[in-house]
Protein backbone atom coordinates (compact mmCIF):
# COMPACT_ATOMS: atom_id res chain seq x y z
CA MET A 1 -13.44 -5.98 -4.59
CA GLN A 2 -11.79 -7.55 -7.67
CA ARG A 3 -9.44 -10.14 -6.49
CA GLY A 4 -5.93 -10.56 -8.30
CA GLY A 5 -5.12 -7.01 -8.29
CA CYS A 6 -1.67 -5.09 -7.77
CA ASN A 7 -0.59 -6.02 -4.44
CA TRP A 8 2.00 -7.62 -2.42
CA ILE A 9 1.01 -11.12 -3.91
CA THR A 10 2.47 -9.77 -6.98
CA LEU A 11 4.83 -7.26 -5.48
CA ALA A 12 6.75 -9.52 -3.12
CA MET A 13 10.13 -8.61 -3.01
CA LEU A 14 12.91 -11.16 -3.49
CA ALA A 15 15.35 -9.24 -1.47
CA ALA A 16 18.83 -9.96 -0.99
CA MET A 17 18.69 -12.11 2.09
CA CYS A 18 19.48 -15.49 3.02
CA GLY A 19 17.46 -18.48 1.30
CA CYS A 20 16.21 -16.32 -1.35
CA SER A 21 15.54 -18.99 -3.95
CA THR A 22 13.31 -21.03 -1.37
CA HIS A 23 11.41 -17.98 -0.69
CA ALA A 24 10.78 -17.36 -4.33
CA GLN A 25 9.47 -20.78 -4.64
CA ARG A 26 6.97 -20.28 -1.60
CA VAL A 27 5.95 -16.85 -2.93
CA SER A 28 5.24 -18.44 -6.41
CA GLN A 29 2.95 -21.21 -5.01
CA LEU A 30 1.38 -18.66 -2.68
CA ARG A 31 0.39 -16.40 -5.64
CA ALA A 32 -0.77 -19.30 -7.77
CA ASP A 33 -3.14 -20.27 -4.85
CA TYR A 34 -4.39 -16.66 -4.33
CA TYR A 35 -5.26 -15.93 -8.15
CA ALA A 36 -6.93 -19.34 -8.19
CA ASN A 37 -9.10 -18.05 -5.37
CA ARG A 38 -7.66 -20.73 -3.03
CA LEU A 39 -7.48 -18.41 -0.12
CA ASP A 40 -7.22 -21.00 2.69
CA ALA A 41 -4.31 -22.51 0.88
CA ALA A 42 -2.66 -19.14 0.28
CA ALA A 43 -3.30 -18.44 3.91
CA ALA A 44 -1.56 -21.71 4.97
CA ALA A 45 1.36 -20.83 2.64
CA VAL A 46 1.72 -17.38 4.42
CA ALA A 47 1.98 -19.36 7.81
CA ASP A 48 4.45 -21.92 6.57
CA GLY A 49 6.70 -19.11 5.11
CA LEU A 50 6.64 -17.29 8.33
CA GLN A 51 7.92 -20.45 10.04
CA ARG A 52 10.26 -21.60 7.63
CA ASP A 53 11.71 -18.23 6.47
CA PRO A 54 11.73 -15.72 9.24
CA SER A 55 13.89 -13.44 7.14
CA GLY A 56 11.05 -12.82 4.70
CA GLY A 57 8.67 -12.25 7.68
CA ASP A 58 7.23 -8.81 6.50
CA VAL A 59 6.88 -9.95 3.08
CA PHE A 60 4.86 -12.95 4.00
CA LYS A 61 2.83 -10.60 6.43
CA LEU A 62 1.95 -8.30 3.56
CA ASP A 63 0.92 -11.24 1.48
CA GLY A 64 -1.26 -12.36 4.43
CA ALA A 65 -2.90 -9.08 4.82
CA LEU A 66 -4.10 -8.98 1.16
CA ILE A 67 -5.47 -12.35 1.73
CA ASP A 68 -7.20 -11.46 4.71
CA LEU A 69 -8.79 -8.48 2.98
CA ALA A 70 -9.86 -10.66 0.11
CA ALA A 71 -11.30 -13.07 2.63
CA GLY A 72 -13.44 -10.36 4.15
CA ASP A 73 -11.34 -9.68 7.16
CA PRO A 74 -10.31 -5.97 6.83
CA ARG A 75 -9.66 -5.47 10.56
CA ARG A 76 -6.96 -8.20 10.76
CA ALA A 77 -5.50 -6.84 7.34
CA GLU A 78 -5.41 -3.42 8.95
CA ARG A 79 -3.58 -4.69 12.07
CA THR A 80 -1.12 -6.70 10.07
CA LEU A 81 -0.37 -3.59 7.71
CA ARG A 82 0.06 -1.30 10.68
CA GLU A 83 2.48 -3.74 12.25
CA VAL A 84 4.63 -4.03 8.92
CA ARG A 85 4.34 -0.18 8.34
CA ASP A 86 5.83 0.41 11.83
CA HIS A 87 8.69 -2.18 11.30
CA PHE A 88 9.62 -0.39 8.15
CA ASP A 89 9.55 2.91 9.74
CA LEU A 90 12.00 1.80 12.45
CA LEU A 91 14.41 0.18 10.06
CA GLU A 92 14.72 3.75 8.17
CA GLY A 93 15.10 5.67 11.40
CA PRO A 94 17.88 7.26 13.00
CA ASP A 95 18.67 4.35 15.06
CA VAL A 96 18.47 1.84 11.92
CA VAL A 97 22.11 0.31 12.91
CA GLY A 98 20.86 -0.54 16.45
CA ALA A 99 17.37 -1.61 15.28
CA THR A 100 18.89 -3.95 12.70
CA ALA A 101 21.50 -5.31 14.99
CA SER A 102 18.87 -6.23 17.43
CA TYR A 103 17.12 -8.42 14.80
CA LEU A 104 20.35 -10.22 14.15
CA THR A 105 20.40 -11.64 17.76
CA ASP A 106 17.39 -13.78 16.94
CA GLU A 107 16.76 -16.29 14.12
CA THR A 108 16.05 -13.57 11.67
CA HIS A 109 19.46 -13.35 9.56
CA GLY A 110 18.38 -9.87 8.02
CA SER A 111 15.97 -6.82 8.10
CA TYR A 112 14.21 -6.21 4.93
CA ALA A 113 13.27 -2.40 5.17
CA GLY A 114 10.89 -2.34 2.19
CA GLU A 115 10.91 -0.74 -1.22
CA ASP A 116 9.73 2.83 -1.55
CA TYR A 117 6.57 1.89 -3.42
CA GLU A 118 5.69 -0.69 -0.83
CA LYS A 119 5.92 1.95 2.00
CA VAL A 120 3.50 3.91 -0.01
CA LEU A 121 1.24 0.95 -0.85
CA ILE A 122 1.14 -0.11 2.77
CA ARG A 123 -0.71 3.13 3.57
CA ALA A 124 -3.02 2.93 0.59
CA PHE A 125 -3.96 -0.58 1.58
CA LEU A 126 -4.35 0.85 5.19
CA ALA A 127 -6.79 3.28 3.91
CA LEU A 128 -8.73 0.76 1.82
CA SER A 129 -8.93 -1.74 4.79
CA ASN A 130 -10.24 0.93 7.23
CA LEU A 131 -12.53 2.13 4.52
CA MET A 132 -14.36 -1.37 4.62
CA GLN A 133 -14.80 -0.80 8.25
CA ASP A 134 -15.88 2.29 9.89
CA GLY A 135 -13.73 4.55 7.85
CA GLY A 136 -12.63 6.78 10.74
CA ASP A 137 -9.03 6.61 9.87
CA VAL A 138 -9.22 6.88 6.16
CA GLU A 139 -8.16 10.47 6.15
CA ALA A 140 -5.45 9.82 8.58
CA TYR A 141 -3.89 7.10 6.25
CA SER A 142 -4.42 9.18 3.13
CA LEU A 143 -2.59 12.12 4.65
CA GLN A 144 0.29 9.72 5.86
CA MET A 145 0.55 8.43 2.27
CA VAL A 146 1.05 11.79 0.95
CA ASP A 147 3.69 12.74 3.59
CA LYS A 148 5.34 9.51 2.97
CA GLN A 149 5.76 10.07 -0.71
CA GLU A 150 7.00 13.56 -0.10
CA ARG A 151 9.76 12.25 2.50
CA LEU A 152 10.78 9.46 0.12
CA ILE A 153 11.34 11.88 -2.62
CA ALA A 154 13.02 14.55 -0.63
CA GLY A 155 15.16 11.84 1.03
CA GLY A 156 16.50 10.91 -2.51
CA ALA A 157 18.86 13.92 -2.98
CA THR A 158 22.45 13.17 -3.21
CA LYS A 159 25.59 15.30 -2.20
CA SER A 160 26.03 16.31 -5.71
CA GLY A 161 22.32 17.81 -5.66
CA ASP A 162 20.96 15.02 -8.07
CA ASN A 163 17.81 13.48 -6.89
CA PRO A 164 16.51 10.51 -9.22
CA LYS A 165 13.51 10.19 -7.01
CA GLN A 166 12.20 13.53 -8.24
CA ASN A 167 10.80 11.29 -11.24
CA TYR A 168 8.64 9.22 -8.91
CA SER A 169 5.07 9.20 -9.99
CA ARG A 170 2.76 10.17 -7.09
CA VAL A 171 0.21 7.84 -6.20
CA ALA A 172 -3.18 9.83 -6.46
CA LEU A 173 -5.11 7.58 -4.41
CA ALA A 174 -4.64 9.60 -1.00
CA PRO A 175 -5.95 12.94 -2.37
CA TYR A 176 -8.72 11.33 -4.32
CA LEU A 177 -9.91 9.40 -1.13
CA ARG A 178 -9.78 12.62 0.75
CA GLY A 179 -11.88 14.44 -1.96
CA VAL A 180 -14.47 11.76 -1.82
CA LEU A 181 -14.86 11.92 2.03
CA ARG A 182 -14.80 15.85 2.03
CA GLU A 183 -17.38 16.02 -0.78
CA ALA A 184 -19.47 13.49 0.97
CA THR A 185 -19.81 15.77 4.10
CA HIS A 186 -21.80 18.44 1.75
CA PHE A 187 -19.90 21.14 3.34
CA ASN A 188 -16.29 20.88 2.63
CA TYR A 189 -16.53 21.46 -1.25
CA ASP A 190 -13.47 23.63 -1.31
CA ASP A 191 -11.32 20.87 0.42
CA ALA A 192 -12.76 18.43 -2.22
CA GLU A 193 -11.96 20.74 -4.96
CA ARG A 194 -8.40 21.03 -3.88
CA SER A 195 -8.19 17.44 -3.45
CA TYR A 196 -9.40 16.49 -6.88
CA LEU A 197 -6.93 19.16 -8.26
CA ALA A 198 -4.23 17.43 -6.85
CA VAL A 199 -5.32 13.99 -8.34
CA ALA A 200 -5.73 15.79 -11.77
CA ASN A 201 -2.12 17.32 -11.44
CA TRP A 202 -0.60 13.85 -10.42
CA GLN A 203 -2.46 11.63 -12.69
CA PRO A 204 -3.46 13.97 -15.85
CA GLY A 205 -4.37 10.63 -17.58
CA PHE A 206 -7.25 9.88 -15.09
CA GLN A 207 -10.01 11.56 -16.90
CA PRO A 208 -12.66 10.78 -14.12
CA ALA A 209 -10.89 13.38 -11.93
CA GLN A 210 -11.88 16.28 -14.36
CA PHE A 211 -15.46 15.21 -13.77
CA ASP A 212 -15.06 15.08 -10.08
CA LEU A 213 -13.25 18.60 -10.14
CA GLU A 214 -16.10 20.10 -12.06
CA ARG A 215 -18.77 18.59 -9.91
CA ALA A 216 -16.98 19.79 -6.89
CA ALA A 217 -16.60 23.44 -8.05
CA HIS A 218 -19.95 23.96 -9.77
CA GLY A 219 -22.14 20.88 -9.45
CA HIS A 220 -23.91 18.78 -6.66
CA HIS A 221 -22.90 15.86 -4.79
CA SER A 222 -26.39 13.96 -4.91
CA GLU A 223 -30.00 14.78 -4.20
CA PRO A 224 -31.38 14.50 -0.86
CA GLY A 225 -32.05 10.99 0.03
CA ASN A 226 -29.72 9.62 -2.70
CA GLY A 227 -25.85 8.86 -2.64
CA VAL A 228 -22.86 8.35 -4.91
CA LEU A 229 -21.14 4.79 -5.09
CA TYR A 230 -17.56 4.55 -5.50
CA VAL A 231 -15.99 1.25 -6.67
CA PHE A 232 -12.22 0.69 -5.89
CA ALA A 233 -11.02 -2.30 -8.26
CA LEU A 234 -7.66 -3.93 -8.09
CA THR A 235 -6.95 -4.47 -11.86
CA GLY A 236 -3.93 -6.14 -13.30
CA ARG A 237 -0.84 -7.48 -11.82
CA GLY A 238 1.95 -5.49 -10.54
CA PRO A 239 5.78 -6.19 -11.10
CA HIS A 240 8.01 -8.45 -9.10
CA LYS A 241 11.66 -8.82 -8.56
CA ILE A 242 13.63 -11.73 -9.61
CA GLU A 243 17.09 -12.92 -8.91
CA ALA A 244 19.60 -12.32 -11.81
CA VAL A 245 23.35 -12.20 -12.42
C-alpha cells in the first residue's frame, strides 16, 4: 500500500469547535510526520492530541487508524474505524440531541458528527483494513458503503423539494470490491458483472472497469492454478478544511 494517499491525514476536519487553531497546528505536524514516514512520531502526535484536545477525538482517532494501517496493523485500524463509525452514526440518529448532551457533561465541549464523505470513507477503509486480514467482512462493509451513500443523498432533500446532494459522486470502490470477490469464487459471474456495471456507471472515466465487465461477461477469471493480483494504491492528497473569515 502506497503511503501518502487520500485519507484522514489529509482529510482531517477543522470543525467549528473549541480550540480550533491549536487543533490545526497539531494536525499539521501530524501530517508532516506521516508523509515523511515518521509513523512513530505521527502516532505519538495522535496520542498527544487525544489527551490535549478531546473535542477533536474522533478526528485524531481516524488519523491514528490510517497510521496503524500504514504501519501494518490493520486489525487495530479496523477496530478504531468501527468505533468512530458507530459514534458518527449515533450523532446522526433520532436521539442526536440527547446523545450530544451526554457528551457535554464530560470534558468534551462539542461532538463532531463527521462530514458526509468521511462517513463513506470510514466504510471504505474498513473494507480495506479487513481485506488485509481474513477478508471475511469485506462484502458487508462494501454494502454498508453503498447504503450509506444512498442514505446521505436521500437525506439531502429540502422541504422545497431541492436536493443538492443528488450531485454527489458515488464512490465506486464498494461495487468494485464486491465484483472482485464475486468473480474470485468462479461461480458468481452474474453478480460480478452487475457490480462492475455499477462501477462503470458511477465512474465512467475508470477505463479498467470496462475490461473487468467484459471479462466477467464473456471471459475467464484465470486458468486453474493461477490467480489475479489487485493493487489498491492511495495516490495523491485529499482536500482539508481551513479556517477563514
